[in-house]
């Protein structure tokens, strides 16, 4: 999937452009109708599960358990998370 955005549109809709790229799409940015840049996902080698969780921990998405043998429990949802999710998807 290759989508075209003018420079102005790409700047104004940067979050949408990044969402499209994260989903595997390619975005071409044009200046006065001529393609000048392409934004696409980086091809990465598959990470191990340990490397993936280490990355999530580094970004603050996952917090290691104080007791590794304790049962899993879901955290409380943050207010407005559904609205943020739908806004990010453009819905």
PDB file of N, CA and C in Angstrom:
ATOM      1  N   UNK A   1       0.850  -1.167   0.000  1.00  0.00           N
ATOM      2  CA  UNK A   1       0.000   0.000   0.000  1.00  0.00           C
ATOM      3  C   UNK A   1       0.893   1.227   0.000  1.00  0.00           C
ATOM      4  N   UNK A   2       0.785   2.046  -1.042  1.00  0.00           N
ATOM      5  CA  UNK A   2       1.572   3.273  -1.155  1.00  0.00           C
ATOM      6  C   UNK A   2       0.615   4.447  -1.228  1.00  0.00           C
ATOM      7  N   UNK A   3       0.720   5.345  -0.261  1.00  0.00           N
ATOM      8  CA  UNK A   3      -0.188   6.488  -0.163  1.00  0.00           C
ATOM      9  C   UNK A   3       0.599   7.761  -0.396  1.00  0.00           C
ATOM     10  N   UNK A   4       0.006   8.719  -1.094  1.00  0.00           N
ATOM     11  CA  UNK A   4       0.650   9.998  -1.381  1.00  0.00           C
ATOM     12  C   UNK A   4       0.126  11.076  -0.443  1.00  0.00           C
ATOM     13  N   UNK A   5       1.052  11.872   0.076  1.00  0.00           N
ATOM     14  CA  UNK A   5       0.717  13.050   0.872  1.00  0.00           C
ATOM     15  C   UNK A   5       1.579  14.200   0.362  1.00  0.00           C
ATOM     16  N   UNK A   6       0.993  15.365   0.275  1.00  0.00           N
ATOM     17  CA  UNK A   6       1.806  16.550  -0.008  1.00  0.00           C
ATOM     18  C   UNK A   6       2.623  16.847   1.244  1.00  0.00           C
ATOM     19  N   UNK A   7       3.638  17.685   1.110  1.00  0.00           N
ATOM     20  CA  UNK A   7       4.458  18.048   2.266  1.00  0.00           C
ATOM     21  C   UNK A   7       3.585  18.621   3.369  1.00  0.00           C
ATOM     22  N   UNK A   8       2.664  19.496   3.003  1.00  0.00           N
ATOM     23  CA  UNK A   8       1.771  20.127   3.973  1.00  0.00           C
ATOM     24  C   UNK A   8       0.900  19.082   4.670  1.00  0.00           C
ATOM     25  N   UNK A   9       0.297  18.167   3.898  1.00  0.00           N
ATOM     26  CA  UNK A   9      -0.564  17.132   4.474  1.00  0.00           C
ATOM     27  C   UNK A   9       0.226  16.205   5.397  1.00  0.00           C
ATOM     28  N   UNK A  10       1.422  15.815   4.967  1.00  0.00           N
ATOM     29  CA  UNK A  10       2.244  14.913   5.786  1.00  0.00           C
ATOM     30  C   UNK A  10       2.572  15.563   7.122  1.00  0.00           C
ATOM     31  N   UNK A  11       2.851  16.863   7.094  1.00  0.00           N
ATOM     32  CA  UNK A  11       3.159  17.574   8.328  1.00  0.00           C
ATOM     33  C   UNK A  11       1.917  17.681   9.208  1.00  0.00           C
ATOM     34  N   UNK A  12       0.787  18.010   8.609  1.00  0.00           N
ATOM     35  CA  UNK A  12      -0.450  18.184   9.371  1.00  0.00           C
ATOM     36  C   UNK A  12      -0.989  16.864   9.907  1.00  0.00           C
ATOM     37  N   UNK A  13      -0.714  15.754   9.222  1.00  0.00           N
ATOM     38  CA  UNK A  13      -1.249  14.447   9.605  1.00  0.00           C
ATOM     39  C   UNK A  13      -0.142  13.467   9.966  1.00  0.00           C
ATOM     40  N   UNK A  14       0.890  13.956  10.617  1.00  0.00           N
ATOM     41  CA  UNK A  14       2.059  13.127  10.892  1.00  0.00           C
ATOM     42  C   UNK A  14       1.706  11.873  11.691  1.00  0.00           C
ATOM     43  N   UNK A  15       0.818  12.005  12.684  1.00  0.00           N
ATOM     44  CA  UNK A  15       0.428  10.832  13.475  1.00  0.00           C
ATOM     45  C   UNK A  15      -0.222   9.780  12.598  1.00  0.00           C
ATOM     46  N   UNK A  16      -1.056  10.203  11.665  1.00  0.00           N
ATOM     47  CA  UNK A  16      -1.701   9.270  10.748  1.00  0.00           C
ATOM     48  C   UNK A  16      -0.676   8.616   9.830  1.00  0.00           C
ATOM     49  N   UNK A  17       0.280   9.407   9.349  1.00  0.00           N
ATOM     50  CA  UNK A  17       1.341   8.866   8.496  1.00  0.00           C
ATOM     51  C   UNK A  17       2.119   7.796   9.251  1.00  0.00           C
ATOM     52  N   UNK A  18       2.466   8.074  10.500  1.00  0.00           N
ATOM     53  CA  UNK A  18       3.234   7.108  11.285  1.00  0.00           C
ATOM     54  C   UNK A  18       2.411   5.852  11.571  1.00  0.00           C
ATOM     55  N   UNK A  19       1.111   5.999  11.788  1.00  0.00           N
ATOM     56  CA  UNK A  19       0.255   4.830  12.011  1.00  0.00           C
ATOM     57  C   UNK A  19       0.245   3.940  10.770  1.00  0.00           C
ATOM     58  N   UNK A  20       0.133   4.555   9.598  1.00  0.00           N
ATOM     59  CA  UNK A  20       0.138   3.796   8.348  1.00  0.00           C
ATOM     60  C   UNK A  20       1.454   3.043   8.169  1.00  0.00           C
ATOM     61  N   UNK A  21       2.559   3.699   8.510  1.00  0.00           N
ATOM     62  CA  UNK A  21       3.875   3.068   8.374  1.00  0.00           C
ATOM     63  C   UNK A  21       4.020   1.924   9.375  1.00  0.00           C
ATOM     64  N   UNK A  22       3.568   2.143  10.618  1.00  0.00           N
ATOM     65  CA  UNK A  22       3.632   1.067  11.625  1.00  0.00           C
ATOM     66  C   UNK A  22       2.825  -0.145  11.186  1.00  0.00           C
ATOM     67  N   UNK A  23       1.757   0.085  10.432  1.00  0.00           N
ATOM     68  CA  UNK A  23       0.924  -1.015   9.946  1.00  0.00           C
ATOM     69  C   UNK A  23       1.510  -1.675   8.697  1.00  0.00           C
ATOM     70  N   UNK A  24       2.680  -1.214   8.257  1.00  0.00           N
ATOM     71  CA  UNK A  24       3.352  -1.848   7.129  1.00  0.00           C
ATOM     72  C   UNK A  24       3.218  -1.116   5.815  1.00  0.00           C
ATOM     73  N   UNK A  25       2.559   0.028   5.814  1.00  0.00           N
ATOM     74  CA  UNK A  25       2.368   0.782   4.575  1.00  0.00           C
ATOM     75  C   UNK A  25       3.558   1.661   4.232  1.00  0.00           C
ATOM     76  N   UNK A  26       3.554   2.159   3.022  1.00  0.00           N
ATOM     77  CA  UNK A  26       4.581   3.090   2.553  1.00  0.00           C
ATOM     78  C   UNK A  26       3.892   4.393   2.186  1.00  0.00           C
ATOM     79  N   UNK A  27       4.452   5.506   2.645  1.00  0.00           N
ATOM     80  CA  UNK A  27       3.890   6.826   2.363  1.00  0.00           C
ATOM     81  C   UNK A  27       4.894   7.606   1.533  1.00  0.00           C
ATOM     82  N   UNK A  28       4.440   8.124   0.403  1.00  0.00           N
ATOM     83  CA  UNK A  28       5.276   8.966  -0.442  1.00  0.00           C
ATOM     84  C   UNK A  28       4.881  10.415  -0.203  1.00  0.00           C
ATOM     85  N   UNK A  29       5.880  11.254   0.066  1.00  0.00           N
ATOM     86  CA  UNK A  29       5.643  12.680   0.291  1.00  0.00           C
ATOM     87  C   UNK A  29       6.006  13.423  -0.985  1.00  0.00           C
ATOM     88  N   UNK A  30       5.099  14.310  -1.413  1.00  0.00           N
ATOM     89  CA  UNK A  30       5.326  15.063  -2.647  1.00  0.00           C
ATOM     90  C   UNK A  30       5.501  16.540  -2.351  1.00  0.00           C
ATOM     91  N   UNK A  31       6.223  17.212  -3.231  1.00  0.00           N
ATOM     92  CA  UNK A  31       6.374  18.662  -3.173  1.00  0.00           C
ATOM     93  C   UNK A  31       5.991  19.195  -4.550  1.00  0.00           C
ATOM     94  N   UNK A  32       4.903  19.945  -4.578  1.00  0.00           N
ATOM     95  CA  UNK A  32       4.360  20.467  -5.836  1.00  0.00           C
ATOM     96  C   UNK A  32       4.098  19.356  -6.845  1.00  0.00           C
ATOM     97  N   UNK A  33       3.612  18.230  -6.329  1.00  0.00           N
ATOM     98  CA  UNK A  33       3.237  17.112  -7.183  1.00  0.00           C
ATOM     99  C   UNK A  33       4.343  16.130  -7.508  1.00  0.00           C
ATOM    100  N   UNK A  34       5.589  16.488  -7.203  1.00  0.00           N
ATOM    101  CA  UNK A  34       6.716  15.587  -7.482  1.00  0.00           C
ATOM    102  C   UNK A  34       7.101  14.813  -6.225  1.00  0.00           C
ATOM    103  N   UNK A  35       7.249  13.493  -6.326  1.00  0.00           N
ATOM    104  CA  UNK A  35       7.668  12.706  -5.159  1.00  0.00           C
ATOM    105  C   UNK A  35       9.076  13.118  -4.715  1.00  0.00           C
ATOM    106  N   UNK A  36       9.222  13.369  -3.401  1.00  0.00           N
ATOM    107  CA  UNK A  36      10.528  13.779  -2.874  1.00  0.00           C
ATOM    108  C   UNK A  36      11.028  12.882  -1.749  1.00  0.00           C
ATOM    109  N   UNK A  37      10.116  12.142  -1.117  1.00  0.00           N
ATOM    110  CA  UNK A  37      10.537  11.294   0.005  1.00  0.00           C
ATOM    111  C   UNK A  37       9.586  10.123   0.137  1.00  0.00           C
ATOM    112  N   UNK A  38      10.112   9.068   0.741  1.00  0.00           N
ATOM    113  CA  UNK A  38       9.297   7.886   0.994  1.00  0.00           C
ATOM    114  C   UNK A  38       9.509   7.483   2.449  1.00  0.00           C
ATOM    115  N   UNK A  39       8.411   7.291   3.164  1.00  0.00           N
ATOM    116  CA  UNK A  39       8.479   6.853   4.553  1.00  0.00           C
ATOM    117  C   UNK A  39       7.941   5.427   4.581  1.00  0.00           C
ATOM    118  N   UNK A  40       8.765   4.508   5.061  1.00  0.00           N
ATOM    119  CA  UNK A  40       8.385   3.100   5.056  1.00  0.00           C
ATOM    120  C   UNK A  40       8.920   2.430   6.306  1.00  0.00           C
ATOM    121  N   UNK A  41       8.371   1.264   6.665  1.00  0.00           N
ATOM    122  CA  UNK A  41       8.856   0.569   7.855  1.00  0.00           C
ATOM    123  C   UNK A  41      10.295   0.085   7.664  1.00  0.00           C
ATOM    124  N   UNK A  42      11.009   0.016   8.744  1.00  0.00           N
ATOM    125  CA  UNK A  42      12.369  -0.522   8.728  1.00  0.00           C
ATOM    126  C   UNK A  42      12.262  -2.034   8.779  1.00  0.00           C
ATOM    127  N   UNK A  43      12.980  -2.702   7.911  1.00  0.00           N
ATOM    128  CA  UNK A  43      13.007  -4.164   7.924  1.00  0.00           C
ATOM    129  C   UNK A  43      13.922  -4.608   9.059  1.00  0.00           C
ATOM    130  N   UNK A  44      13.359  -5.340   9.981  1.00  0.00           N
ATOM    131  CA  UNK A  44      14.140  -5.798  11.126  1.00  0.00           C
ATOM    132  C   UNK A  44      14.151  -7.314  11.165  1.00  0.00           C
ATOM    133  N   UNK A  45      15.218  -7.830  11.738  1.00  0.00           N
ATOM    134  CA  UNK A  45      15.279  -9.264  11.955  1.00  0.00           C
ATOM    135  C   UNK A  45      14.385  -9.605  13.144  1.00  0.00           C
ATOM    136  N   UNK A  46      13.873 -10.798  13.144  1.00  0.00           N
ATOM    137  CA  UNK A  46      12.982 -11.220  14.224  1.00  0.00           C
ATOM    138  C   UNK A  46      13.741 -11.222  15.551  1.00  0.00           C
ATOM    139  N   UNK A  47      13.140 -10.617  16.563  1.00  0.00           N
ATOM    140  CA  UNK A  47      13.723 -10.602  17.900  1.00  0.00           C
ATOM    141  C   UNK A  47      13.255 -11.823  18.668  1.00  0.00           C
ATOM    142  N   UNK A  48      14.052 -12.211  19.640  1.00  0.00           N
ATOM    143  CA  UNK A  48      13.601 -13.263  20.536  1.00  0.00           C
ATOM    144  C   UNK A  48      12.562 -12.665  21.477  1.00  0.00           C
ATOM    145  N   UNK A  49      11.816 -13.512  22.157  1.00  0.00           N
ATOM    146  CA  UNK A  49      10.803 -13.042  23.096  1.00  0.00           C
ATOM    147  C   UNK A  49      11.457 -12.211  24.190  1.00  0.00           C
ATOM    148  N   UNK A  50      12.619 -12.639  24.645  1.00  0.00           N
ATOM    149  CA  UNK A  50      13.321 -11.911  25.700  1.00  0.00           C
ATOM    150  C   UNK A  50      13.710 -10.509  25.231  1.00  0.00           C
ATOM    151  N   UNK A  51      14.215 -10.401  23.996  1.00  0.00           N
ATOM    152  CA  UNK A  51      14.587  -9.088  23.462  1.00  0.00           C
ATOM    153  C   UNK A  51      13.360  -8.195  23.298  1.00  0.00           C
ATOM    154  N   UNK A  52      12.255  -8.788  22.861  1.00  0.00           N
ATOM    155  CA  UNK A  52      11.023  -8.022  22.686  1.00  0.00           C
ATOM    156  C   UNK A  52      10.541  -7.457  24.022  1.00  0.00           C
ATOM    157  N   UNK A  53      10.503  -8.297  25.060  1.00  0.00           N
ATOM    158  CA  UNK A  53      10.067  -7.830  26.365  1.00  0.00           C
ATOM    159  C   UNK A  53      11.050  -6.829  26.965  1.00  0.00           C
ATOM    160  N   UNK A  54      12.337  -6.996  26.702  1.00  0.00           N
ATOM    161  CA  UNK A  54      13.318  -6.022  27.186  1.00  0.00           C
ATOM    162  C   UNK A  54      13.061  -4.663  26.544  1.00  0.00           C
ATOM    163  N   UNK A  55      12.716  -4.655  25.261  1.00  0.00           N
ATOM    164  CA  UNK A  55      12.382  -3.401  24.585  1.00  0.00           C
ATOM    165  C   UNK A  55      11.123  -2.765  25.147  1.00  0.00           C
ATOM    166  N   UNK A  56      10.101  -3.575  25.428  1.00  0.00           N
ATOM    167  CA  UNK A  56       8.874  -3.061  26.027  1.00  0.00           C
ATOM    168  C   UNK A  56       9.144  -2.495  27.419  1.00  0.00           C
ATOM    169  N   UNK A  57      10.001  -3.174  28.167  1.00  0.00           N
ATOM    170  CA  UNK A  57      10.351  -2.690  29.505  1.00  0.00           C
ATOM    171  C   UNK A  57      11.109  -1.372  29.424  1.00  0.00           C
ATOM    172  N   UNK A  58      12.011  -1.267  28.472  1.00  0.00           N
ATOM    173  CA  UNK A  58      12.795  -0.041  28.299  1.00  0.00           C
ATOM    174  C   UNK A  58      11.895   1.146  27.953  1.00  0.00           C
ATOM    175  N   UNK A  59      10.837   0.891  27.166  1.00  0.00           N
ATOM    176  CA  UNK A  59       9.910   1.951  26.773  1.00  0.00           C
ATOM    177  C   UNK A  59       8.867   2.240  27.848  1.00  0.00           C
ATOM    178  N   UNK A  60       8.865   1.482  28.934  1.00  0.00           N
ATOM    179  CA  UNK A  60       7.923   1.714  30.020  1.00  0.00           C
ATOM    180  C   UNK A  60       6.547   1.125  29.790  1.00  0.00           C
ATOM    181  N   UNK A  61       6.411   0.242  28.817  1.00  0.00           N
ATOM    182  CA  UNK A  61       5.120  -0.365  28.513  1.00  0.00           C
ATOM    183  C   UNK A  61       4.864  -1.552  29.435  1.00  0.00           C
ATOM    184  N   UNK A  62       5.927  -2.258  29.797  1.00  0.00           N
ATOM    185  CA  UNK A  62       5.828  -3.421  30.672  1.00  0.00           C
ATOM    186  C   UNK A  62       6.686  -3.161  31.895  1.00  0.00           C
ATOM    187  N   UNK A  63       6.157  -3.517  33.050  1.00  0.00           N
ATOM    188  CA  UNK A  63       6.908  -3.382  34.298  1.00  0.00           C
ATOM    189  C   UNK A  63       7.098  -4.787  34.853  1.00  0.00           C
ATOM    190  N   UNK A  64       8.348  -5.169  35.134  1.00  0.00           N
ATOM    191  CA  UNK A  64       8.563  -6.518  35.656  1.00  0.00           C
ATOM    192  C   UNK A  64       7.906  -6.700  37.026  1.00  0.00           C
ATOM    193  N   UNK A  65       7.442  -7.906  37.278  1.00  0.00           N
ATOM    194  CA  UNK A  65       6.803  -8.217  38.561  1.00  0.00           C
ATOM    195  C   UNK A  65       7.846  -8.214  39.669  1.00  0.00           C
ATOM    196  N   UNK A  66       7.436  -7.756  40.849  1.00  0.00           N
ATOM    197  CA  UNK A  66       8.343  -7.795  41.990  1.00  0.00           C
ATOM    198  C   UNK A  66       8.606  -9.242  42.400  1.00  0.00           C
ATOM    199  N   UNK A  67       7.567 -10.068  42.301  1.00  0.00           N
ATOM    200  CA  UNK A  67       7.695 -11.492  42.580  1.00  0.00           C
ATOM    201  C   UNK A  67       7.406 -12.232  41.272  1.00  0.00           C
ATOM    202  N   UNK A  68       8.415 -12.823  40.625  1.00  0.00           N
ATOM    203  CA  UNK A  68       8.195 -13.471  39.332  1.00  0.00           C
ATOM    204  C   UNK A  68       7.227 -14.651  39.375  1.00  0.00           C
ATOM    205  N   UNK A  69       6.873 -15.135  40.566  1.00  0.00           N
ATOM    206  CA  UNK A  69       5.959 -16.274  40.691  1.00  0.00           C
ATOM    207  C   UNK A  69       4.539 -15.836  41.027  1.00  0.00           C
ATOM    208  N   UNK A  70       4.310 -14.531  41.121  1.00  0.00           N
ATOM    209  CA  UNK A  70       2.963 -14.053  41.432  1.00  0.00           C
ATOM    210  C   UNK A  70       2.062 -14.175  40.205  1.00  0.00           C
ATOM    211  N   UNK A  71       0.752 -14.348  40.420  1.00  0.00           N
ATOM    212  CA  UNK A  71      -0.160 -14.479  39.274  1.00  0.00           C
ATOM    213  C   UNK A  71      -0.280 -13.144  38.524  1.00  0.00           C
ATOM    214  N   UNK A  72      -0.601 -13.241  37.234  1.00  0.00           N
ATOM    215  CA  UNK A  72      -0.804 -12.043  36.424  1.00  0.00           C
ATOM    216  C   UNK A  72      -2.124 -11.390  36.795  1.00  0.00           C
ATOM    217  N   UNK A  73      -2.150 -10.067  36.769  1.00  0.00           N
ATOM    218  CA  UNK A  73      -3.404  -9.355  36.980  1.00  0.00           C
ATOM    219  C   UNK A  73      -3.419  -8.145  36.056  1.00  0.00           C
ATOM    220  N   UNK A  74      -4.567  -7.869  35.553  1.00  0.00           N
ATOM    221  CA  UNK A  74      -4.717  -6.743  34.622  1.00  0.00           C
ATOM    222  C   UNK A  74      -4.708  -5.435  35.394  1.00  0.00           C
ATOM    223  N   UNK A  75      -4.110  -4.420  34.784  1.00  0.00           N
ATOM    224  CA  UNK A  75      -4.110  -3.094  35.380  1.00  0.00           C
ATOM    225  C   UNK A  75      -5.423  -2.387  35.106  1.00  0.00           C
ATOM    226  N   UNK A  76      -5.640  -1.298  35.814  1.00  0.00           N
ATOM    227  CA  UNK A  76      -6.849  -0.516  35.606  1.00  0.00           C
ATOM    228  C   UNK A  76      -6.742   0.270  34.311  1.00  0.00           C
ATOM    229  N   UNK A  77      -7.836   0.357  33.544  1.00  0.00           N
ATOM    230  CA  UNK A  77      -7.787   1.152  32.315  1.00  0.00           C
ATOM    231  C   UNK A  77      -7.666   2.637  32.653  1.00  0.00           C
ATOM    232  N   UNK A  78      -6.968   3.362  31.805  1.00  0.00           N
ATOM    233  CA  UNK A  78      -6.823   4.803  32.003  1.00  0.00           C
ATOM    234  C   UNK A  78      -8.032   5.507  31.403  1.00  0.00           C
ATOM    235  N   UNK A  79      -8.562   6.520  32.071  1.00  0.00           N
ATOM    236  CA  UNK A  79      -9.716   7.247  31.535  1.00  0.00           C
ATOM    237  C   UNK A  79      -9.400   7.833  30.157  1.00  0.00           C
ATOM    238  N   UNK A  80     -10.326   7.660  29.236  1.00  0.00           N
ATOM    239  CA  UNK A  80     -10.165   8.219  27.897  1.00  0.00           C
ATOM    240  C   UNK A  80      -9.361   7.358  26.952  1.00  0.00           C
ATOM    241  N   UNK A  81      -8.978   6.139  27.363  1.00  0.00           N
ATOM    242  CA  UNK A  81      -8.135   5.318  26.498  1.00  0.00           C
ATOM    243  C   UNK A  81      -8.866   4.884  25.232  1.00  0.00           C
ATOM    244  N   UNK A  82     -10.160   4.615  25.319  1.00  0.00           N
ATOM    245  CA  UNK A  82     -10.916   4.253  24.117  1.00  0.00           C
ATOM    246  C   UNK A  82     -10.978   5.425  23.145  1.00  0.00           C
ATOM    247  N   UNK A  83     -11.216   6.616  23.657  1.00  0.00           N
ATOM    248  CA  UNK A  83     -11.266   7.809  22.798  1.00  0.00           C
ATOM    249  C   UNK A  83      -9.917   8.046  22.126  1.00  0.00           C
ATOM    250  N   UNK A  84      -8.809   7.869  22.864  1.00  0.00           N
ATOM    251  CA  UNK A  84      -7.481   8.045  22.274  1.00  0.00           C
ATOM    252  C   UNK A  84      -7.219   7.000  21.208  1.00  0.00           C
ATOM    253  N   UNK A  85      -7.626   5.756  21.483  1.00  0.00           N
ATOM    254  CA  UNK A  85      -7.439   4.681  20.515  1.00  0.00           C
ATOM    255  C   UNK A  85      -8.206   4.972  19.228  1.00  0.00           C
ATOM    256  N   UNK A  86      -9.461   5.365  19.341  1.00  0.00           N
ATOM    257  CA  UNK A  86     -10.266   5.663  18.154  1.00  0.00           C
ATOM    258  C   UNK A  86      -9.745   6.889  17.419  1.00  0.00           C
ATOM    259  N   UNK A  87      -9.282   7.896  18.148  1.00  0.00           N
ATOM    260  CA  UNK A  87      -8.732   9.086  17.502  1.00  0.00           C
ATOM    261  C   UNK A  87      -7.465   8.749  16.721  1.00  0.00           C
ATOM    262  N   UNK A  88      -6.631   7.880  17.272  1.00  0.00           N
ATOM    263  CA  UNK A  88      -5.402   7.492  16.586  1.00  0.00           C
ATOM    264  C   UNK A  88      -5.709   6.722  15.307  1.00  0.00           C
ATOM    265  N   UNK A  89      -6.789   5.967  15.315  1.00  0.00           N
ATOM    266  CA  UNK A  89      -7.196   5.214  14.134  1.00  0.00           C
ATOM    267  C   UNK A  89      -7.967   6.080  13.135  1.00  0.00           C
ATOM    268  N   UNK A  90      -8.306   7.307  13.546  1.00  0.00           N
ATOM    269  CA  UNK A  90      -9.037   8.206  12.658  1.00  0.00           C
ATOM    270  C   UNK A  90     -10.520   7.902  12.602  1.00  0.00           C
ATOM    271  N   UNK A  91     -11.050   7.333  13.656  1.00  0.00           N
ATOM    272  CA  UNK A  91     -12.479   6.978  13.672  1.00  0.00           C
ATOM    273  C   UNK A  91     -13.229   7.877  14.630  1.00  0.00           C
TER     274      UNK A  91
END
